[in-house]
Amino acid sequence: MVVLVTQEFQGVSREDAEEGSKRLNTGENPPAGLIAHVLTDIPGGIRAVDIWESEADFQTFVEERLMPMSKELAQERGLSLEGIGQPTFVEAYDVFMGRQT
């Protein structure tokens, strides 16, 4: 089942998020099951909105790539992992990819 995943990261700046994205290298080495990913600014942090082929694919990515990198980055930059919100999952349907930018 394809899922839309949203998650907020309080206390994380755009610069922190861009560094994290650079380290994850998902543009060149996308994780299995990732269909689309976007970050937006919110008051006091950022929000991630993703589309995954399954919740299991997302959980594997979190365990194997996202959390190890996040812990390293948090330690280097003095960030708290307490601001990481719980992801929300909803079934996604009628999903298609438009023009890549």
PDB file of N, CA and C in Angstrom:
ATOM      1  N   MET A   1       0.845  -1.176   0.000  1.00  0.00           N
ATOM      2  CA  MET A   1       0.000   0.000   0.000  1.00  0.00           C
ATOM      3  C   MET A   1       0.895   1.245   0.000  1.00  0.00           C
ATOM      4  N   VAL A   2       0.687   2.124  -0.944  1.00  0.00           N
ATOM      5  CA  VAL A   2       1.435   3.373  -1.024  1.00  0.00           C
ATOM      6  C   VAL A   2       0.967   4.299   0.094  1.00  0.00           C
ATOM      7  N   VAL A   3       1.939   4.975   0.769  1.00  0.00           N
ATOM      8  CA  VAL A   3       1.595   5.838   1.895  1.00  0.00           C
ATOM      9  C   VAL A   3       2.199   7.227   1.737  1.00  0.00           C
ATOM     10  N   LEU A   4       1.452   8.208   2.237  1.00  0.00           N
ATOM     11  CA  LEU A   4       1.928   9.575   2.384  1.00  0.00           C
ATOM     12  C   LEU A   4       2.382   9.705   3.830  1.00  0.00           C
ATOM     13  N   VAL A   5       3.627  10.128   4.018  1.00  0.00           N
ATOM     14  CA  VAL A   5       4.203  10.245   5.351  1.00  0.00           C
ATOM     15  C   VAL A   5       4.536  11.705   5.603  1.00  0.00           C
ATOM     16  N   THR A   6       4.065  12.236   6.730  1.00  0.00           N
ATOM     17  CA  THR A   6       4.439  13.591   7.135  1.00  0.00           C
ATOM     18  C   THR A   6       5.080  13.511   8.512  1.00  0.00           C
ATOM     19  N   GLN A   7       6.091  14.365   8.717  1.00  0.00           N
ATOM     20  CA  GLN A   7       6.794  14.375   9.992  1.00  0.00           C
ATOM     21  C   GLN A   7       7.407  15.753  10.201  1.00  0.00           C
ATOM     22  N   GLU A   8       7.300  16.247  11.431  1.00  0.00           N
ATOM     23  CA  GLU A   8       7.863  17.545  11.770  1.00  0.00           C
ATOM     24  C   GLU A   8       9.121  17.375  12.611  1.00  0.00           C
ATOM     25  N   PHE A   9      10.047  18.294  12.390  1.00  0.00           N
ATOM     26  CA  PHE A   9      11.326  18.307  13.094  1.00  0.00           C
ATOM     27  C   PHE A   9      11.518  19.700  13.695  1.00  0.00           C
ATOM     28  N   GLN A  10      11.129  19.860  14.946  1.00  0.00           N
ATOM     29  CA  GLN A  10      11.273  21.140  15.623  1.00  0.00           C
ATOM     30  C   GLN A  10      12.737  21.361  16.005  1.00  0.00           C
ATOM     31  N   GLY A  11      13.187  22.608  15.885  1.00  0.00           N
ATOM     32  CA  GLY A  11      14.558  22.941  16.237  1.00  0.00           C
ATOM     33  C   GLY A  11      15.567  22.633  15.155  1.00  0.00           C
ATOM     34  N   VAL A  12      15.085  22.207  13.993  1.00  0.00           N
ATOM     35  CA  VAL A  12      15.961  21.908  12.862  1.00  0.00           C
ATOM     36  C   VAL A  12      15.811  23.027  11.838  1.00  0.00           C
ATOM     37  N   SER A  13      16.922  23.635  11.467  1.00  0.00           N
ATOM     38  CA  SER A  13      16.885  24.728  10.489  1.00  0.00           C
ATOM     39  C   SER A  13      16.955  24.185   9.065  1.00  0.00           C
ATOM     40  N   ARG A  14      16.688  25.049   8.135  1.00  0.00           N
ATOM     41  CA  ARG A  14      16.798  24.674   6.724  1.00  0.00           C
ATOM     42  C   ARG A  14      18.228  24.225   6.413  1.00  0.00           C
ATOM     43  N   GLU A  15      19.206  24.940   6.975  1.00  0.00           N
ATOM     44  CA  GLU A  15      20.606  24.588   6.755  1.00  0.00           C
ATOM     45  C   GLU A  15      20.926  23.205   7.318  1.00  0.00           C
ATOM     46  N   ASP A  16      20.394  22.895   8.509  1.00  0.00           N
ATOM     47  CA  ASP A  16      20.581  21.562   9.095  1.00  0.00           C
ATOM     48  C   ASP A  16      19.981  20.501   8.176  1.00  0.00           C
ATOM     49  N   ALA A  17      18.771  20.754   7.698  1.00  0.00           N
ATOM     50  CA  ALA A  17      18.077  19.791   6.837  1.00  0.00           C
ATOM     51  C   ALA A  17      18.827  19.590   5.523  1.00  0.00           C
ATOM     52  N   GLU A  18      19.336  20.670   4.949  1.00  0.00           N
ATOM     53  CA  GLU A  18      20.078  20.556   3.693  1.00  0.00           C
ATOM     54  C   GLU A  18      21.366  19.758   3.893  1.00  0.00           C
ATOM     55  N   GLU A  19      22.022  19.945   5.044  1.00  0.00           N
ATOM     56  CA  GLU A  19      23.217  19.153   5.340  1.00  0.00           C
ATOM     57  C   GLU A  19      22.846  17.689   5.509  1.00  0.00           C
ATOM     58  N   GLY A  20      21.743  17.427   6.191  1.00  0.00           N
ATOM     59  CA  GLY A  20      21.288  16.049   6.351  1.00  0.00           C
ATOM     60  C   GLY A  20      20.984  15.403   5.014  1.00  0.00           C
ATOM     61  N   SER A  21      20.316  16.123   4.143  1.00  0.00           N
ATOM     62  CA  SER A  21      20.010  15.596   2.805  1.00  0.00           C
ATOM     63  C   SER A  21      21.285  15.296   2.024  1.00  0.00           C
ATOM     64  N   LYS A  22      22.259  16.194   2.161  1.00  0.00           N
ATOM     65  CA  LYS A  22      23.542  15.996   1.484  1.00  0.00           C
ATOM     66  C   LYS A  22      24.204  14.707   1.975  1.00  0.00           C
ATOM     67  N   ARG A  23      24.189  14.490   3.283  1.00  0.00           N
ATOM     68  CA  ARG A  23      24.817  13.294   3.847  1.00  0.00           C
ATOM     69  C   ARG A  23      24.065  12.019   3.481  1.00  0.00           C
ATOM     70  N   LEU A  24      22.748  12.093   3.432  1.00  0.00           N
ATOM     71  CA  LEU A  24      21.955  10.916   3.061  1.00  0.00           C
ATOM     72  C   LEU A  24      22.116  10.567   1.583  1.00  0.00           C
ATOM     73  N   ASN A  25      22.383  11.586   0.770  1.00  0.00           N
ATOM     74  CA  ASN A  25      22.610  11.395  -0.662  1.00  0.00           C
ATOM     75  C   ASN A  25      21.450  10.660  -1.343  1.00  0.00           C
ATOM     76  N   THR A  26      20.229  10.986  -0.928  1.00  0.00           N
ATOM     77  CA  THR A  26      19.071  10.282  -1.485  1.00  0.00           C
ATOM     78  C   THR A  26      18.818  10.640  -2.951  1.00  0.00           C
ATOM     79  N   GLY A  27      19.303  11.793  -3.390  1.00  0.00           N
ATOM     80  CA  GLY A  27      19.135  12.155  -4.794  1.00  0.00           C
ATOM     81  C   GLY A  27      19.905  11.229  -5.717  1.00  0.00           C
ATOM     82  N   GLU A  28      21.121  10.860  -5.315  1.00  0.00           N
ATOM     83  CA  GLU A  28      21.965   9.975  -6.109  1.00  0.00           C
ATOM     84  C   GLU A  28      21.771   8.511  -5.738  1.00  0.00           C
ATOM     85  N   ASN A  29      21.378   8.260  -4.481  1.00  0.00           N
ATOM     86  CA  ASN A  29      21.224   6.899  -3.986  1.00  0.00           C
ATOM     87  C   ASN A  29      19.908   6.788  -3.219  1.00  0.00           C
ATOM     88  N   PRO A  30      18.783   6.841  -3.941  1.00  0.00           N
ATOM     89  CA  PRO A  30      17.485   6.832  -3.246  1.00  0.00           C
ATOM     90  C   PRO A  30      17.234   5.506  -2.532  1.00  0.00           C
ATOM     91  N   PRO A  31      16.612   5.583  -1.358  1.00  0.00           N
ATOM     92  CA  PRO A  31      16.293   4.347  -0.645  1.00  0.00           C
ATOM     93  C   PRO A  31      15.193   3.571  -1.358  1.00  0.00           C
ATOM     94  N   ALA A  32      15.193   2.275  -1.154  1.00  0.00           N
ATOM     95  CA  ALA A  32      14.169   1.422  -1.744  1.00  0.00           C
ATOM     96  C   ALA A  32      12.788   1.881  -1.281  1.00  0.00           C
ATOM     97  N   GLY A  33      11.883   2.042  -2.219  1.00  0.00           N
ATOM     98  CA  GLY A  33      10.507   2.374  -1.896  1.00  0.00           C
ATOM     99  C   GLY A  33      10.167   3.851  -1.882  1.00  0.00           C
ATOM    100  N   LEU A  34      11.157   4.733  -1.928  1.00  0.00           N
ATOM    101  CA  LEU A  34      10.863   6.169  -1.918  1.00  0.00           C
ATOM    102  C   LEU A  34      10.353   6.596  -3.285  1.00  0.00           C
ATOM    103  N   ILE A  35       9.190   7.240  -3.296  1.00  0.00           N
ATOM    104  CA  ILE A  35       8.609   7.736  -4.541  1.00  0.00           C
ATOM    105  C   ILE A  35       8.867   9.231  -4.684  1.00  0.00           C
ATOM    106  N   ALA A  36       8.642   9.993  -3.605  1.00  0.00           N
ATOM    107  CA  ALA A  36       8.843  11.443  -3.657  1.00  0.00           C
ATOM    108  C   ALA A  36       9.148  11.956  -2.252  1.00  0.00           C
ATOM    109  N   HIS A  37       9.897  13.060  -2.191  1.00  0.00           N
ATOM    110  CA  HIS A  37      10.284  13.668  -0.917  1.00  0.00           C
ATOM    111  C   HIS A  37      10.343  15.177  -1.093  1.00  0.00           C
ATOM    112  N   VAL A  38       9.834  15.904  -0.093  1.00  0.00           N
ATOM    113  CA  VAL A  38       9.930  17.358  -0.097  1.00  0.00           C
ATOM    114  C   VAL A  38      10.021  17.843   1.351  1.00  0.00           C
ATOM    115  N   LEU A  39      10.794  18.906   1.558  1.00  0.00           N
ATOM    116  CA  LEU A  39      10.883  19.560   2.861  1.00  0.00           C
ATOM    117  C   LEU A  39      10.283  20.951   2.747  1.00  0.00           C
ATOM    118  N   THR A  40       9.628  21.393   3.812  1.00  0.00           N
ATOM    119  CA  THR A  40       9.106  22.756   3.879  1.00  0.00           C
ATOM    120  C   THR A  40       9.450  23.338   5.234  1.00  0.00           C
ATOM    121  N   ASP A  41       9.546  24.651   5.273  1.00  0.00           N
ATOM    122  CA  ASP A  41       9.750  25.343   6.541  1.00  0.00           C
ATOM    123  C   ASP A  41       8.432  25.435   7.291  1.00  0.00           C
ATOM    124  N   ILE A  42       8.507  25.296   8.605  1.00  0.00           N
ATOM    125  CA  ILE A  42       7.380  25.540   9.501  1.00  0.00           C
ATOM    126  C   ILE A  42       7.910  26.394  10.636  1.00  0.00           C
ATOM    127  N   PRO A  43       7.061  27.045  11.407  1.00  0.00           N
ATOM    128  CA  PRO A  43       7.565  27.831  12.531  1.00  0.00           C
ATOM    129  C   PRO A  43       8.385  26.960  13.488  1.00  0.00           C
ATOM    130  N   GLY A  44       9.648  27.308  13.661  1.00  0.00           N
ATOM    131  CA  GLY A  44      10.515  26.606  14.594  1.00  0.00           C
ATOM    132  C   GLY A  44      11.136  25.323  14.078  1.00  0.00           C
ATOM    133  N   GLY A  45      10.999  25.041  12.782  1.00  0.00           N
ATOM    134  CA  GLY A  45      11.587  23.804  12.275  1.00  0.00           C
ATOM    135  C   GLY A  45      11.264  23.542  10.825  1.00  0.00           C
ATOM    136  N   ILE A  46      11.202  22.270  10.495  1.00  0.00           N
ATOM    137  CA  ILE A  46      10.896  21.844   9.129  1.00  0.00           C
ATOM    138  C   ILE A  46       9.868  20.718   9.157  1.00  0.00           C
ATOM    139  N   ARG A  47       9.236  20.500   8.022  1.00  0.00           N
ATOM    140  CA  ARG A  47       8.304  19.386   7.845  1.00  0.00           C
ATOM    141  C   ARG A  47       8.759  18.593   6.623  1.00  0.00           C
ATOM    142  N   ALA A  48       8.773  17.275   6.765  1.00  0.00           N
ATOM    143  CA  ALA A  48       9.054  16.388   5.644  1.00  0.00           C
ATOM    144  C   ALA A  48       7.736  15.769   5.182  1.00  0.00           C
ATOM    145  N   VAL A  49       7.544  15.743   3.879  1.00  0.00           N
ATOM    146  CA  VAL A  49       6.380  15.096   3.271  1.00  0.00           C
ATOM    147  C   VAL A  49       6.930  14.140   2.219  1.00  0.00           C
ATOM    148  N   ASP A  50       6.631  12.855   2.412  1.00  0.00           N
ATOM    149  CA  ASP A  50       7.154  11.823   1.526  1.00  0.00           C
ATOM    150  C   ASP A  50       6.033  10.940   1.014  1.00  0.00           C
ATOM    151  N   ILE A  51       6.288  10.311  -0.112  1.00  0.00           N
ATOM    152  CA  ILE A  51       5.432   9.238  -0.608  1.00  0.00           C
ATOM    153  C   ILE A  51       6.319   8.008  -0.719  1.00  0.00           C
ATOM    154  N   TRP A  52       5.871   6.928  -0.070  1.00  0.00           N
ATOM    155  CA  TRP A  52       6.613   5.673  -0.031  1.00  0.00           C
ATOM    156  C   TRP A  52       5.749   4.545  -0.583  1.00  0.00           C
ATOM    157  N   GLU A  53       6.396   3.534  -1.147  1.00  0.00           N
ATOM    158  CA  GLU A  53       5.672   2.365  -1.641  1.00  0.00           C
ATOM    159  C   GLU A  53       5.011   1.612  -0.497  1.00  0.00           C
ATOM    160  N   SER A  54       5.600   1.701   0.712  1.00  0.00           N
ATOM    161  CA  SER A  54       5.007   1.050   1.875  1.00  0.00           C
ATOM    162  C   SER A  54       5.551   1.666   3.157  1.00  0.00           C
ATOM    163  N   GLU A  55       4.809   1.495   4.243  1.00  0.00           N
ATOM    164  CA  GLU A  55       5.277   1.949   5.546  1.00  0.00           C
ATOM    165  C   GLU A  55       6.544   1.192   5.948  1.00  0.00           C
ATOM    166  N   ALA A  56       6.637  -0.069   5.581  1.00  0.00           N
ATOM    167  CA  ALA A  56       7.816  -0.873   5.895  1.00  0.00           C
ATOM    168  C   ALA A  56       9.069  -0.300   5.231  1.00  0.00           C
ATOM    169  N   ASP A  57       8.946   0.164   3.976  1.00  0.00           N
ATOM    170  CA  ASP A  57      10.089   0.785   3.299  1.00  0.00           C
ATOM    171  C   ASP A  57      10.553   2.021   4.056  1.00  0.00           C
ATOM    172  N   PHE A  58       9.607   2.838   4.521  1.00  0.00           N
ATOM    173  CA  PHE A  58       9.947   4.033   5.292  1.00  0.00           C
ATOM    174  C   PHE A  58      10.662   3.637   6.578  1.00  0.00           C
ATOM    175  N   GLN A  59      10.134   2.657   7.296  1.00  0.00           N
ATOM    176  CA  GLN A  59      10.728   2.246   8.576  1.00  0.00           C
ATOM    177  C   GLN A  59      12.152   1.716   8.370  1.00  0.00           C
ATOM    178  N   THR A  60      12.381   0.975   7.313  1.00  0.00           N
ATOM    179  CA  THR A  60      13.729   0.480   7.007  1.00  0.00           C
ATOM    180  C   THR A  60      14.680   1.643   6.776  1.00  0.00           C
ATOM    181  N   PHE A  61      14.244   2.629   6.014  1.00  0.00           N
ATOM    182  CA  PHE A  61      15.067   3.816   5.760  1.00  0.00           C
ATOM    183  C   PHE A  61      15.392   4.540   7.060  1.00  0.00           C
ATOM    184  N   VAL A  62      14.402   4.703   7.920  1.00  0.00           N
ATOM    185  CA  VAL A  62      14.614   5.393   9.198  1.00  0.00           C
ATOM    186  C   VAL A  62      15.677   4.661  10.015  1.00  0.00           C
ATOM    187  N   GLU A  63      15.530   3.358  10.145  1.00  0.00           N
ATOM    188  CA  GLU A  63      16.445   2.569  10.973  1.00  0.00           C
ATOM    189  C   GLU A  63      17.851   2.485  10.393  1.00  0.00           C
ATOM    190  N   GLU A  64      17.954   2.290   9.086  1.00  0.00           N
ATOM    191  CA  GLU A  64      19.252   2.033   8.480  1.00  0.00           C
ATOM    192  C   GLU A  64      20.014   3.288   8.061  1.00  0.00           C
ATOM    193  N   ARG A  65      19.301   4.357   7.716  1.00  0.00           N
ATOM    194  CA  ARG A  65      19.997   5.531   7.193  1.00  0.00           C
ATOM    195  C   ARG A  65      19.677   6.826   7.932  1.00  0.00           C
ATOM    196  N   LEU A  66      18.386   7.103   8.137  1.00  0.00           N
ATOM    197  CA  LEU A  66      18.016   8.408   8.690  1.00  0.00           C
ATOM    198  C   LEU A  66      18.472   8.593  10.134  1.00  0.00           C
ATOM    199  N   MET A  67      18.157   7.654  11.023  1.00  0.00           N
ATOM    200  CA  MET A  67      18.499   7.841  12.428  1.00  0.00           C
ATOM    201  C   MET A  67      20.009   7.847  12.677  1.00  0.00           C
ATOM    202  N   PRO A  68      20.792   6.953  12.077  1.00  0.00           N
ATOM    203  CA  PRO A  68      22.237   7.052  12.294  1.00  0.00           C
ATOM    204  C   PRO A  68      22.805   8.410  11.870  1.00  0.00           C
ATOM    205  N   MET A  69      22.364   8.909  10.704  1.00  0.00           N
ATOM    206  CA  MET A  69      22.836  10.207  10.244  1.00  0.00           C
ATOM    207  C   MET A  69      22.333  11.311  11.158  1.00  0.00           C
ATOM    208  N   SER A  70      21.069  11.245  11.583  1.00  0.00           N
ATOM    209  CA  SER A  70      20.481  12.286  12.434  1.00  0.00           C
ATOM    210  C   SER A  70      21.209  12.381  13.770  1.00  0.00           C
ATOM    211  N   LYS A  71      21.542  11.248  14.354  1.00  0.00           N
ATOM    212  CA  LYS A  71      22.268  11.247  15.633  1.00  0.00           C
ATOM    213  C   LYS A  71      23.635  11.890  15.477  1.00  0.00           C
ATOM    214  N   GLU A  72      24.318  11.575  14.396  1.00  0.00           N
ATOM    215  CA  GLU A  72      25.636  12.155  14.126  1.00  0.00           C
ATOM    216  C   GLU A  72      25.530  13.671  13.932  1.00  0.00           C
ATOM    217  N   LEU A  73      24.593  14.095  13.108  1.00  0.00           N
ATOM    218  CA  LEU A  73      24.417  15.519  12.835  1.00  0.00           C
ATOM    219  C   LEU A  73      23.992  16.273  14.094  1.00  0.00           C
ATOM    220  N   ALA A  74      23.105  15.682  14.876  1.00  0.00           N
ATOM    221  CA  ALA A  74      22.646  16.321  16.112  1.00  0.00           C
ATOM    222  C   ALA A  74      23.811  16.522  17.077  1.00  0.00           C
ATOM    223  N   GLN A  75      24.664  15.534  17.188  1.00  0.00           N
ATOM    224  CA  GLN A  75      25.806  15.644  18.084  1.00  0.00           C
ATOM    225  C   GLN A  75      26.752  16.743  17.612  1.00  0.00           C
ATOM    226  N   GLU A  76      27.032  16.785  16.322  1.00  0.00           N
ATOM    227  CA  GLU A  76      27.937  17.789  15.767  1.00  0.00           C
ATOM    228  C   GLU A  76      27.405  19.206  15.923  1.00  0.00           C
ATOM    229  N   ARG A  77      26.091  19.375  15.765  1.00  0.00           N
ATOM    230  CA  ARG A  77      25.502  20.718  15.750  1.00  0.00           C
ATOM    231  C   ARG A  77      24.761  21.084  17.032  1.00  0.00           C
ATOM    232  N   GLY A  78      24.790  20.222  18.010  1.00  0.00           N
ATOM    233  CA  GLY A  78      24.122  20.505  19.275  1.00  0.00           C
ATOM    234  C   GLY A  78      22.607  20.548  19.158  1.00  0.00           C
ATOM    235  N   LEU A  79      22.060  19.709  18.289  1.00  0.00           N
ATOM    236  CA  LEU A  79      20.613  19.655  18.092  1.00  0.00           C
ATOM    237  C   LEU A  79      20.006  18.613  19.019  1.00  0.00           C
ATOM    238  N   SER A  80      18.766  18.813  19.392  1.00  0.00           N
ATOM    239  CA  SER A  80      18.057  17.849  20.222  1.00  0.00           C
ATOM    240  C   SER A  80      17.181  16.961  19.345  1.00  0.00           C
ATOM    241  N   LEU A  81      17.234  15.672  19.604  1.00  0.00           N
ATOM    242  CA  LEU A  81      16.357  14.746  18.890  1.00  0.00           C
ATOM    243  C   LEU A  81      14.955  14.737  19.495  1.00  0.00           C
ATOM    244  N   GLU A  82      14.773  15.469  20.590  1.00  0.00           N
ATOM    245  CA  GLU A  82      13.462  15.552  21.238  1.00  0.00           C
ATOM    246  C   GLU A  82      12.429  16.231  20.337  1.00  0.00           C
ATOM    247  N   GLY A  83      12.884  17.055  19.397  1.00  0.00           N
ATOM    248  CA  GLY A  83      11.972  17.787  18.530  1.00  0.00           C
ATOM    249  C   GLY A  83      11.471  16.995  17.339  1.00  0.00           C
ATOM    250  N   ILE A  84      11.886  15.733  17.239  1.00  0.00           N
ATOM    251  CA  ILE A  84      11.436  14.908  16.118  1.00  0.00           C
ATOM    252  C   ILE A  84      10.050  14.374  16.437  1.00  0.00           C
ATOM    253  N   GLY A  85       9.079  14.797  15.656  1.00  0.00           N
ATOM    254  CA  GLY A  85       7.705  14.338  15.853  1.00  0.00           C
ATOM    255  C   GLY A  85       7.490  12.945  15.306  1.00  0.00           C
ATOM    256  N   GLN A  86       6.428  12.328  15.730  1.00  0.00           N
ATOM    257  CA  GLN A  86       6.070  11.008  15.218  1.00  0.00           C
ATOM    258  C   GLN A  86       5.547  11.151  13.789  1.00  0.00           C
ATOM    259  N   PRO A  87       5.951  10.273  12.902  1.00  0.00           N
ATOM    260  CA  PRO A  87       5.424  10.347  11.536  1.00  0.00           C
ATOM    261  C   PRO A  87       3.949   9.956  11.512  1.00  0.00           C
ATOM    262  N   THR A  88       3.232  10.561  10.580  1.00  0.00           N
ATOM    263  CA  THR A  88       1.845  10.168  10.351  1.00  0.00           C
ATOM    264  C   THR A  88       1.769   9.506   8.977  1.00  0.00           C
ATOM    265  N   PHE A  89       0.937   8.497   8.870  1.00  0.00           N
ATOM    266  CA  PHE A  89       0.797   7.716   7.648  1.00  0.00           C
ATOM    267  C   PHE A  89      -0.653   7.722   7.204  1.00  0.00           C
ATOM    268  N   VAL A  90      -0.871   7.998   5.931  1.00  0.00           N
ATOM    269  CA  VAL A  90      -2.193   7.828   5.336  1.00  0.00           C
ATOM    270  C   VAL A  90      -2.005   7.144   3.984  1.00  0.00           C
ATOM    271  N   GLU A  91      -2.983   6.341   3.624  1.00  0.00           N
ATOM    272  CA  GLU A  91      -2.920   5.679   2.327  1.00  0.00           C
ATOM    273  C   GLU A  91      -2.947   6.726   1.223  1.00  0.00           C
ATOM    274  N   ALA A  92      -2.080   6.549   0.247  1.00  0.00           N
ATOM    275  CA  ALA A  92      -2.036   7.449  -0.908  1.00  0.00           C
ATOM    276  C   ALA A  92      -2.524   6.681  -2.138  1.00  0.00           C
ATOM    277  N   TYR A  93      -3.262   7.355  -2.971  1.00  0.00           N
ATOM    278  CA  TYR A  93      -3.751   6.725  -4.191  1.00  0.00           C
ATOM    279  C   TYR A  93      -3.799   7.756  -5.293  1.00  0.00           C
ATOM    280  N   ASP A  94      -3.973   7.298  -6.503  1.00  0.00           N
ATOM    281  CA  ASP A  94      -3.959   8.164  -7.679  1.00  0.00           C
ATOM    282  C   ASP A  94      -2.654   8.954  -7.721  1.00  0.00           C
ATOM    283  N   VAL A  95      -1.546   8.264  -7.454  1.00  0.00           N
ATOM    284  CA  VAL A  95      -0.218   8.877  -7.400  1.00  0.00           C
ATOM    285  C   VAL A  95       0.415   8.809  -8.779  1.00  0.00           C
ATOM    286  N   PHE A  96       0.931   9.932  -9.260  1.00  0.00           N
ATOM    287  CA  PHE A  96       1.678   9.936 -10.501  1.00  0.00           C
ATOM    288  C   PHE A  96       2.773  10.976 -10.386  1.00  0.00           C
ATOM    289  N   MET A  97       3.809  10.790 -11.147  1.00  0.00           N
ATOM    290  CA  MET A  97       4.946  11.709 -11.138  1.00  0.00           C
ATOM    291  C   MET A  97       4.838  12.617 -12.344  1.00  0.00           C
ATOM    292  N   GLY A  98       4.934  13.880 -12.080  1.00  0.00           N
ATOM    293  CA  GLY A  98       4.947  14.874 -13.144  1.00  0.00           C
ATOM    294  C   GLY A  98       6.383  15.161 -13.570  1.00  0.00           C
ATOM    295  N   ARG A  99       6.579  16.333 -14.057  1.00  0.00           N
ATOM    296  CA  ARG A  99       7.901  16.774 -14.523  1.00  0.00           C
ATOM    297  C   ARG A  99       8.861  16.869 -13.343  1.00  0.00           C
ATOM    298  N   GLN A 100      10.062  16.374 -13.505  1.00  0.00           N
ATOM    299  CA  GLN A 100      11.107  16.456 -12.480  1.00  0.00           C
ATOM    300  C   GLN A 100      11.793  17.819 -12.590  1.00  0.00           C
ATOM    301  N   THR A 101      12.018  18.463 -11.407  1.00  0.00           N
ATOM    302  CA  THR A 101      12.731  19.745 -11.435  1.00  0.00           C
ATOM    303  C   THR A 101      14.069  19.648 -10.790  1.00  0.00           C
TER     304      THR A 101
END
